[in-house]
N, C-alpha and C. Protein backbone atom coordinates (compact mmCIF):
# COMPACT_ATOMS: atom_id res chain seq x y z
N UNK A 1 22.08 -103.32 -15.83
CA UNK A 1 20.93 -102.10 -15.47
C UNK A 1 20.43 -103.14 -15.29
N UNK A 2 19.44 -103.74 -16.88
CA UNK A 2 17.99 -103.22 -16.51
C UNK A 2 17.62 -104.67 -15.77
N UNK A 3 18.72 -105.32 -14.92
CA UNK A 3 18.28 -106.53 -13.89
C UNK A 3 18.12 -105.55 -12.60
N UNK A 4 19.22 -104.18 -12.47
CA UNK A 4 18.43 -103.50 -10.93
C UNK A 4 17.56 -102.22 -11.28
N UNK A 5 17.17 -102.15 -12.69
CA UNK A 5 16.04 -101.11 -13.05
C UNK A 5 14.67 -101.73 -12.50
N UNK A 6 14.56 -100.67 -11.23
CA UNK A 6 12.45 -100.59 -11.25
C UNK A 6 12.06 -99.87 -11.89
N UNK A 7 11.37 -100.75 -12.90
CA UNK A 7 10.50 -99.88 -14.04
C UNK A 7 9.02 -99.07 -13.30
N UNK A 8 9.07 -99.80 -12.58
CA UNK A 8 7.67 -99.69 -10.99
C UNK A 8 7.80 -98.14 -10.65
N UNK A 9 9.36 -97.71 -10.20
CA UNK A 9 9.60 -96.85 -9.40
C UNK A 9 9.61 -95.22 -10.36
N UNK A 10 10.44 -95.66 -11.48
CA UNK A 10 10.16 -94.60 -12.86
C UNK A 10 9.00 -94.05 -12.87
N UNK A 11 8.30 -94.98 -12.80
CA UNK A 11 6.87 -94.55 -13.67
C UNK A 11 6.45 -94.00 -12.39
N UNK A 12 6.42 -93.90 -10.69
CA UNK A 12 5.44 -93.72 -9.98
C UNK A 12 5.80 -92.29 -9.55
N UNK A 13 7.54 -92.01 -10.16
CA UNK A 13 8.58 -90.78 -10.76
C UNK A 13 7.99 -89.87 -11.32
N UNK A 14 7.45 -90.51 -12.62
CA UNK A 14 6.78 -89.86 -13.44
C UNK A 14 4.98 -88.81 -12.81
N UNK A 15 4.43 -89.80 -12.31
CA UNK A 15 3.43 -89.47 -11.64
C UNK A 15 3.48 -88.30 -10.84
N UNK A 16 4.42 -88.67 -10.12
CA UNK A 16 4.15 -87.46 -8.91
C UNK A 16 5.19 -86.15 -9.43
N UNK A 17 5.73 -86.68 -10.83
CA UNK A 17 6.35 -84.69 -10.82
C UNK A 17 5.01 -84.29 -11.68
N UNK A 18 4.09 -85.45 -12.63
CA UNK A 18 2.91 -84.98 -13.32
C UNK A 18 1.85 -84.04 -11.91
N UNK A 19 1.81 -84.46 -10.95
CA UNK A 19 1.09 -84.23 -10.19
C UNK A 19 2.30 -82.42 -9.46
N UNK A 20 2.95 -82.83 -9.07
CA UNK A 20 3.72 -81.69 -8.89
C UNK A 20 3.75 -80.67 -10.18
N UNK A 21 4.16 -79.91 -10.69
CA UNK A 21 3.67 -79.70 -11.72
C UNK A 21 1.92 -79.05 -11.87
N UNK A 22 0.76 -80.03 -11.54
CA UNK A 22 -0.01 -79.26 -11.43
C UNK A 22 -0.74 -78.48 -10.43
N UNK A 23 0.77 -78.62 -9.46
CA UNK A 23 0.42 -77.93 -8.15
C UNK A 23 1.49 -76.83 -7.72
N UNK A 24 2.32 -76.54 -9.04
CA UNK A 24 2.70 -75.78 -9.05
C UNK A 24 2.46 -74.35 -9.20
N UNK A 25 3.05 -72.88 -7.98
CA UNK A 25 2.34 -72.38 -8.42
C UNK A 25 2.76 -71.08 -9.14
N UNK A 26 2.24 -69.63 -9.78
CA UNK A 26 2.67 -69.43 -10.87
C UNK A 26 3.68 -68.39 -10.11
N UNK A 27 4.95 -68.21 -10.83
CA UNK A 27 5.92 -66.93 -10.32
C UNK A 27 5.51 -65.50 -10.16
N UNK A 28 5.62 -64.97 -9.42
CA UNK A 28 5.32 -63.27 -9.92
C UNK A 28 5.49 -62.77 -11.24
N UNK A 29 4.79 -63.16 -12.19
CA UNK A 29 5.20 -62.26 -13.61
C UNK A 29 3.97 -62.36 -14.04
N UNK A 30 4.26 -61.28 -14.82
CA UNK A 30 3.12 -61.27 -16.22
C UNK A 30 3.05 -61.09 -17.30
N UNK A 31 2.08 -61.09 -18.09
CA UNK A 31 2.07 -60.32 -19.95
C UNK A 31 2.38 -62.18 -20.37
N UNK A 32 3.27 -61.43 -21.68
CA UNK A 32 3.96 -63.03 -22.09
C UNK A 32 4.72 -64.08 -21.15
N UNK A 33 5.23 -63.76 -19.86
CA UNK A 33 6.52 -64.17 -19.31
C UNK A 33 5.41 -65.41 -19.14
N UNK A 34 3.90 -64.79 -18.48
CA UNK A 34 3.16 -65.70 -17.87
C UNK A 34 2.38 -66.46 -18.13
N UNK A 35 1.65 -66.06 -19.71
CA UNK A 35 1.93 -66.88 -20.50
C UNK A 35 2.69 -68.13 -21.06
N UNK A 36 3.73 -67.77 -21.28
CA UNK A 36 5.19 -68.71 -21.57
C UNK A 36 4.80 -69.58 -20.37
N UNK A 37 4.88 -69.27 -19.11
CA UNK A 37 5.02 -69.70 -17.82
C UNK A 37 3.61 -71.49 -17.58
N UNK A 38 3.10 -70.74 -18.41
CA UNK A 38 1.57 -71.73 -17.65
C UNK A 38 1.71 -72.58 -19.47
N UNK A 39 1.89 -71.86 -20.32
CA UNK A 39 2.15 -73.23 -21.60
C UNK A 39 2.89 -74.28 -21.56
N UNK A 40 4.22 -73.72 -20.55
CA UNK A 40 5.36 -74.73 -20.22
C UNK A 40 4.67 -76.18 -19.44
N UNK A 41 3.93 -75.26 -18.37
CA UNK A 41 3.57 -76.38 -17.35
C UNK A 41 2.61 -77.38 -18.01
N UNK A 42 1.73 -76.63 -18.61
CA UNK A 42 1.03 -77.55 -19.48
C UNK A 42 1.37 -78.84 -20.58
N UNK A 43 2.79 -78.38 -20.71
CA UNK A 43 3.26 -79.42 -21.32
C UNK A 43 4.17 -80.02 -20.84
N UNK A 44 4.33 -79.65 -19.51
CA UNK A 44 5.03 -80.93 -18.44
C UNK A 44 4.65 -81.64 -18.17
N UNK A 45 2.96 -81.43 -17.63
CA UNK A 45 1.80 -81.44 -17.24
C UNK A 45 1.55 -83.07 -18.10
N UNK A 46 1.53 -82.36 -19.08
CA UNK A 46 1.07 -83.77 -20.77
C UNK A 46 2.16 -84.62 -20.34
N UNK A 47 3.24 -84.20 -20.33
CA UNK A 47 4.55 -84.94 -21.10
C UNK A 47 4.80 -85.80 -19.46
N UNK A 48 4.64 -85.20 -18.48
CA UNK A 48 4.67 -86.14 -17.49
C UNK A 48 3.50 -87.43 -16.62
N UNK A 49 2.35 -86.86 -17.49
CA UNK A 49 1.26 -87.85 -17.47
C UNK A 49 1.19 -89.04 -17.86
N UNK A 50 1.65 -88.51 -19.23
CA UNK A 50 1.20 -89.62 -20.45
C UNK A 50 3.08 -91.12 -19.93
N UNK A 51 4.34 -90.11 -19.68
CA UNK A 51 4.30 -91.58 -18.94
C UNK A 51 4.12 -92.20 -17.50
N UNK A 52 3.83 -91.48 -17.00
CA UNK A 52 3.18 -91.77 -15.89
C UNK A 52 1.99 -92.90 -15.90
N UNK A 53 1.08 -92.57 -17.16
CA UNK A 53 0.62 -93.93 -17.50
C UNK A 53 0.72 -94.84 -18.18
N UNK A 54 2.13 -95.47 -18.29
CA UNK A 54 1.93 -96.43 -19.36
C UNK A 54 2.60 -97.44 -18.59
N UNK A 55 2.27 -99.11 -19.53
CA UNK A 55 3.06 -99.86 -18.96
C UNK A 55 4.11 -99.78 -19.01
N UNK A 56 4.99 -100.33 -18.40
CA UNK A 56 6.22 -100.80 -18.39
C UNK A 56 6.52 -101.80 -18.62
N UNK A 57 7.41 -101.97 -20.22
CA UNK A 57 8.66 -103.70 -19.25
C UNK A 57 9.47 -103.42 -19.78
N UNK A 58 10.27 -104.47 -19.60
CA UNK A 58 11.66 -104.54 -20.30
C UNK A 58 11.48 -105.63 -20.82
N UNK A 59 12.50 -105.81 -22.10
CA UNK A 59 12.51 -106.90 -23.13
C UNK A 59 13.54 -107.24 -24.02
N UNK A 60 14.37 -108.21 -24.03
CA UNK A 60 15.95 -108.08 -23.65
C UNK A 60 16.38 -106.83 -23.54
N UNK A 61 16.65 -105.81 -22.36
CA UNK A 61 17.07 -105.40 -22.10
C UNK A 61 16.76 -103.72 -22.16
N UNK A 62 15.39 -104.46 -23.40
CA UNK A 62 14.86 -102.65 -24.08
C UNK A 62 13.58 -102.37 -23.00
N UNK A 63 13.65 -100.84 -22.46
CA UNK A 63 12.26 -100.22 -22.05
C UNK A 63 11.51 -99.52 -23.05
N UNK A 64 10.21 -100.64 -22.35
CA UNK A 64 9.80 -100.60 -23.39
C UNK A 64 7.99 -100.09 -22.51
N UNK A 65 7.64 -98.56 -23.90
CA UNK A 65 6.18 -97.95 -22.44
C UNK A 65 5.64 -98.23 -23.71
N UNK A 66 4.58 -99.00 -23.51
CA UNK A 66 3.18 -98.86 -23.86
C UNK A 66 2.11 -98.21 -23.30
N UNK A 67 1.61 -97.40 -24.55
CA UNK A 67 0.49 -95.52 -24.22
C UNK A 67 -0.18 -95.97 -24.76
N UNK A 68 -1.55 -96.08 -24.16
CA UNK A 68 -2.54 -95.86 -25.38
C UNK A 68 -3.45 -94.10 -25.23
N UNK A 69 -3.15 -93.95 -25.92
CA UNK A 69 -3.90 -92.77 -26.44
C UNK A 69 -4.67 -92.39 -27.03
N UNK A 70 -6.02 -93.86 -27.08
CA UNK A 70 -6.86 -93.71 -27.92
C UNK A 70 -7.83 -92.76 -26.61
N UNK A 71 -9.17 -92.29 -26.79
CA UNK A 71 -10.10 -91.77 -25.89
C UNK A 71 -10.94 -92.75 -24.84
N UNK A 72 -11.08 -93.09 -23.70
CA UNK A 72 -11.23 -93.74 -22.99
C UNK A 72 -12.51 -94.43 -22.99
N UNK A 73 -13.90 -94.10 -24.40
CA UNK A 73 -14.86 -94.74 -25.20
C UNK A 73 -13.83 -95.80 -25.76
N UNK A 74 -13.08 -95.30 -26.00
CA UNK A 74 -11.93 -96.04 -27.55
C UNK A 74 -11.14 -97.27 -27.05
N UNK A 75 -11.37 -97.37 -25.62
CA UNK A 75 -9.91 -97.92 -24.70
C UNK A 75 -10.20 -99.11 -25.01
N UNK A 76 -9.70 -100.27 -24.89
CA UNK A 76 -9.61 -101.28 -24.74
C UNK A 76 -8.77 -102.45 -24.42
N UNK A 77 -8.92 -103.13 -22.90
CA UNK A 77 -7.55 -103.85 -22.32
C UNK A 77 -6.89 -105.13 -23.28
N UNK A 78 -5.72 -104.84 -23.63
CA UNK A 78 -5.26 -106.08 -24.68
C UNK A 78 -3.97 -105.38 -25.62
């Protein structure tokens, strides 16, 4: 499977999902249901965006995602 797995395509799908969550419209709900929907959308966006920002490699058949969670002012290449 590792030979046919397209890591870049997977990362792009997560970027697309993050954008879809960001552009998602609110359903016609109110009160606590609305707040729950908004909270879930925020978590979904964060999760998809993190994977979408990852540097992915396959090492010895293992998918490795490297995600720099440091603030941009502290992040360095390397």
